[in-house]
Amino acid sequence: MKRKVVISVVIILILLVSQYKSVLTGYARFFIVDDITVSKNTSIVVLSGGQLTRIPKALELYQAGYGERLLLTTLKPLNAKVAHLVPTNEQIAEDISKELAIPATFESVPSLKGGATSTFDEARDLLAFCIKENIKHLIIVTDAFHTRRALYAFKKIFQDSSINIEAAAAPNDVYSAEDWWRSDSGIAVYLLEPIKLVVYLLTDQNVSFIKNN
């Protein structure tokens, strides 16, 4: 009996090793949601962090007609004393828009607490903004690995509203679901993401070790 168990375990390990690319790719794809649709009264919001990936994706969607308005969330600065030395989200968005030759105007969503420190904060800011502006459909743009968690956070906050929430995955030039284990940054985000997702499943309150990405 023991011999059969050992043989079975060895066979399973051999299969996992031989199919490691498929296993690791499937693991990464679990965290990715990319389910956008076209409808009226739609706004596209770029979550803070990763401007070089998220803003181009938002512009691409805007140009393709997925939304009428482009929104930016307001992130709390890590150091308010020197924050003025760093370009704002609006400035970066304007520069990227010019570089890509996609004319567009971005609007900043006011923060309810002086700047978001989590995706839950961004969701609360957007809920208040959408109600005020009568927005019925919201497409959140964030990095691919962050889409499932971000979408869950938004749906958790928006659950009592009639606003439709969808997520769009922004790619990058360093790693993807098909090769994330080959780069330090890919390993960092995909190994930490399940921990963050579990925390988001358990609470909608900010915790100190979950950063806004």
Protein backbone atom coordinates (compact mmCIF):
# COMPACT_ATOMS: atom_id res chain seq x y z
CA MET A 1 0.00 0.00 0.00
CA LYS A 2 2.75 2.42 0.99
CA ARG A 3 4.61 1.60 -2.19
CA LYS A 4 1.56 2.45 -4.29
CA VAL A 5 1.20 5.79 -2.48
CA VAL A 6 4.86 6.64 -3.05
CA ILE A 7 4.64 5.69 -6.73
CA SER A 8 1.49 7.80 -7.11
CA VAL A 9 3.15 10.81 -5.49
CA VAL A 10 6.23 10.44 -7.70
CA ILE A 11 4.06 10.22 -10.82
CA ILE A 12 2.13 13.33 -9.79
CA LEU A 13 5.38 15.23 -9.15
CA ILE A 14 6.77 14.18 -12.52
CA LEU A 15 3.60 15.34 -14.25
CA LEU A 16 3.68 18.68 -12.41
CA VAL A 17 7.32 19.27 -13.30
CA SER A 18 6.79 18.33 -16.93
CA GLN A 19 3.74 20.58 -17.18
CA TYR A 20 5.02 23.40 -14.97
CA LYS A 21 4.45 26.09 -17.62
CA SER A 22 0.79 25.18 -17.98
CA VAL A 23 0.35 24.98 -14.20
CA LEU A 24 2.02 28.34 -13.52
CA THR A 25 0.19 30.03 -16.39
CA GLY A 26 -3.15 28.67 -15.20
CA TYR A 27 -2.38 29.87 -11.68
CA ALA A 28 -1.67 33.41 -12.90
CA ARG A 29 -4.72 33.51 -15.16
CA PHE A 30 -6.96 32.88 -12.15
CA PHE A 31 -6.19 36.39 -10.91
CA ILE A 32 -6.93 38.06 -14.25
CA VAL A 33 -10.37 39.35 -15.24
CA ASP A 34 -10.91 41.14 -18.56
CA ASP A 35 -14.65 41.27 -19.21
CA ILE A 36 -15.52 44.71 -20.57
CA THR A 37 -18.59 45.45 -22.68
CA VAL A 38 -19.90 48.49 -24.53
CA SER A 39 -22.88 50.34 -23.08
CA LYS A 40 -24.20 53.87 -22.63
CA ASN A 41 -23.24 56.21 -19.80
CA THR A 42 -19.90 54.49 -19.22
CA SER A 43 -16.85 55.95 -17.52
CA ILE A 44 -13.36 54.47 -17.54
CA VAL A 45 -11.39 54.85 -14.31
CA VAL A 46 -7.65 54.33 -13.94
CA LEU A 47 -6.75 53.02 -10.49
CA SER A 48 -3.73 54.69 -8.91
CA GLY A 49 -0.34 53.01 -9.28
CA GLY A 50 1.15 51.68 -12.49
CA GLN A 51 0.37 54.78 -14.56
CA LEU A 52 2.65 53.66 -17.40
CA THR A 53 0.53 50.54 -17.95
CA ARG A 54 -2.93 51.56 -16.83
CA ILE A 55 -3.24 54.97 -18.50
CA PRO A 56 -2.32 53.69 -22.01
CA LYS A 57 -4.87 50.88 -21.59
CA ALA A 58 -7.54 53.36 -20.55
CA LEU A 59 -6.76 55.56 -23.56
CA GLU A 60 -6.97 52.52 -25.83
CA LEU A 61 -10.43 51.71 -24.48
CA TYR A 62 -11.52 55.34 -24.74
CA GLN A 63 -10.39 55.53 -28.35
CA ALA A 64 -12.25 52.29 -29.10
CA GLY A 65 -15.48 53.78 -27.75
CA TYR A 66 -15.84 51.86 -24.50
CA GLY A 67 -16.45 54.98 -22.42
CA GLU A 68 -17.29 58.67 -22.64
CA ARG A 69 -15.28 59.87 -19.63
CA LEU A 70 -11.80 59.11 -18.30
CA LEU A 71 -11.34 59.22 -14.54
CA LEU A 72 -8.34 59.12 -12.21
CA THR A 73 -8.42 58.20 -8.54
CA THR A 74 -6.68 60.32 -5.93
CA LEU A 75 -3.90 58.56 -4.03
CA LYS A 76 -2.65 59.73 -0.65
CA PRO A 77 1.01 60.84 -1.05
CA LEU A 78 3.61 58.81 0.80
CA ASN A 79 5.39 62.02 1.81
CA ALA A 80 3.33 65.22 1.53
CA LYS A 81 6.40 67.44 2.08
CA VAL A 82 7.98 66.46 -1.24
CA ALA A 83 4.91 65.28 -3.17
CA HIS A 84 5.02 68.44 -5.29
CA LEU A 85 8.29 67.24 -6.83
CA VAL A 86 6.54 64.24 -8.41
CA PRO A 87 4.22 64.66 -11.43
CA THR A 88 0.55 64.23 -10.56
CA ASN A 89 -1.63 61.55 -12.12
CA GLU A 90 -3.23 64.27 -14.23
CA GLN A 91 0.13 65.47 -15.55
CA ILE A 92 1.28 61.94 -16.35
CA ALA A 93 -2.02 61.16 -18.08
CA GLU A 94 -1.79 64.31 -20.17
CA ASP A 95 1.79 63.51 -21.23
CA ILE A 96 0.91 59.92 -22.15
CA SER A 97 -2.14 61.12 -24.07
CA LYS A 98 0.06 63.46 -26.13
CA GLU A 99 2.74 60.81 -26.65
CA LEU A 100 0.20 58.30 -27.95
CA ALA A 101 -1.59 60.97 -29.99
CA ILE A 102 -4.94 60.14 -28.40
CA PRO A 103 -6.63 63.44 -27.44
CA ALA A 104 -8.42 62.99 -24.14
CA THR A 105 -9.29 64.82 -20.94
CA PHE A 106 -8.91 63.09 -17.59
CA GLU A 107 -10.97 64.00 -14.52
CA SER A 108 -9.77 63.42 -10.98
CA VAL A 109 -12.21 61.78 -8.58
CA PRO A 110 -12.25 63.56 -5.20
CA SER A 111 -11.17 61.47 -2.25
CA LEU A 112 -13.44 61.11 0.75
CA LYS A 113 -10.47 60.86 3.14
CA GLY A 114 -7.70 63.03 1.69
CA GLY A 115 -6.35 60.36 -0.64
CA ALA A 116 -6.94 56.64 -1.11
CA THR A 117 -4.67 54.12 0.60
CA SER A 118 -6.33 50.96 -0.72
CA THR A 119 -8.52 49.70 -3.53
CA PHE A 120 -11.43 49.76 -1.08
CA ASP A 121 -10.83 53.49 -0.58
CA GLU A 122 -10.84 54.01 -4.34
CA ALA A 123 -14.09 52.06 -4.61
CA ARG A 124 -15.77 54.22 -1.97
CA ASP A 125 -14.56 57.39 -3.69
CA LEU A 126 -15.89 56.13 -7.02
CA LEU A 127 -19.24 55.09 -5.56
CA ALA A 128 -19.87 58.60 -4.24
CA PHE A 129 -18.71 60.11 -7.55
CA CYS A 130 -20.83 57.78 -9.69
CA ILE A 131 -23.96 58.50 -7.65
CA LYS A 132 -23.35 62.25 -7.89
CA GLU A 133 -22.62 62.11 -11.65
CA ASN A 134 -25.32 59.50 -12.40
CA ILE A 135 -22.79 57.09 -13.93
CA LYS A 136 -24.36 53.70 -14.62
CA HIS A 137 -21.43 51.69 -15.98
CA LEU A 138 -17.85 51.79 -14.69
CA ILE A 139 -14.82 50.10 -16.24
CA ILE A 140 -11.90 49.88 -13.83
CA VAL A 141 -8.47 49.71 -15.44
CA THR A 142 -5.64 48.17 -13.49
CA ASP A 143 -2.70 45.81 -13.97
CA ALA A 144 -3.70 42.30 -15.01
CA PHE A 145 -2.64 40.58 -11.77
CA HIS A 146 -4.76 43.05 -9.76
CA THR A 147 -8.01 42.80 -11.73
CA ARG A 148 -9.79 40.01 -9.83
CA ARG A 149 -9.08 41.55 -6.43
CA ALA A 150 -9.93 45.06 -7.61
CA LEU A 151 -13.18 43.91 -9.19
CA TYR A 152 -14.12 42.05 -6.02
CA ALA A 153 -13.41 45.13 -3.88
CA PHE A 154 -15.51 47.37 -6.12
CA LYS A 155 -18.42 44.93 -6.29
CA LYS A 156 -18.32 44.57 -2.52
CA ILE A 157 -18.60 48.35 -2.05
CA PHE A 158 -21.06 48.85 -4.95
CA GLN A 159 -23.30 45.89 -4.01
CA ASP A 160 -26.27 48.04 -2.97
CA SER A 161 -26.11 50.19 -6.11
CA SER A 162 -27.35 49.50 -9.63
CA ILE A 163 -24.03 50.52 -11.19
CA ASN A 164 -22.44 47.89 -13.43
CA ILE A 165 -18.75 47.28 -12.68
CA GLU A 166 -16.29 45.63 -15.08
CA ALA A 167 -12.50 45.25 -15.15
CA ALA A 168 -9.96 45.75 -17.93
CA ALA A 169 -6.49 44.20 -17.63
CA ALA A 170 -3.51 46.38 -18.52
CA PRO A 171 -0.46 44.46 -19.83
CA ASN A 172 3.20 45.35 -19.35
CA ASP A 173 6.47 44.68 -21.18
CA VAL A 174 8.21 42.80 -18.34
CA TYR A 175 5.99 39.82 -17.50
CA SER A 176 2.63 38.24 -18.30
CA ALA A 177 0.61 35.24 -17.15
CA GLU A 178 2.66 33.12 -19.55
CA ASP A 179 6.11 33.97 -18.13
CA TRP A 180 5.71 35.74 -14.76
CA TRP A 181 8.07 33.31 -12.96
CA ARG A 182 11.00 34.49 -15.09
CA SER A 183 11.24 37.99 -13.58
CA ASP A 184 11.60 39.30 -10.04
CA SER A 185 8.69 41.72 -10.44
CA GLY A 186 6.42 38.99 -11.82
CA ILE A 187 7.27 36.64 -8.97
CA ALA A 188 6.70 39.41 -6.43
CA VAL A 189 3.19 40.30 -7.59
CA TYR A 190 1.85 36.84 -8.38
CA LEU A 191 3.12 35.17 -5.19
CA LEU A 192 1.78 37.95 -3.00
CA GLU A 193 -1.56 38.34 -4.80
CA PRO A 194 -3.29 35.29 -3.24
CA ILE A 195 -2.52 36.63 0.24
CA LYS A 196 -3.99 40.01 -0.65
CA LEU A 197 -7.04 38.38 -2.21
CA VAL A 198 -7.74 36.33 0.92
CA VAL A 199 -7.55 39.48 3.06
CA TYR A 200 -10.00 41.24 0.71
CA LEU A 201 -12.37 38.28 0.96
CA LEU A 202 -12.37 38.55 4.74
CA THR A 203 -12.70 42.32 5.20
CA ASP A 204 -13.46 45.60 3.45
CA GLN A 205 -11.32 47.60 5.86
CA ASN A 206 -7.75 48.76 5.21
CA VAL A 207 -4.91 46.72 6.65
CA SER A 208 -1.37 48.04 6.93
CA PHE A 209 0.35 45.42 4.75
CA ILE A 210 -1.96 45.76 1.73
CA LYS A 211 -0.75 48.54 -0.54
CA ASN A 212 -2.78 50.30 -3.20
CA ASN A 213 -1.90 48.14 -6.22
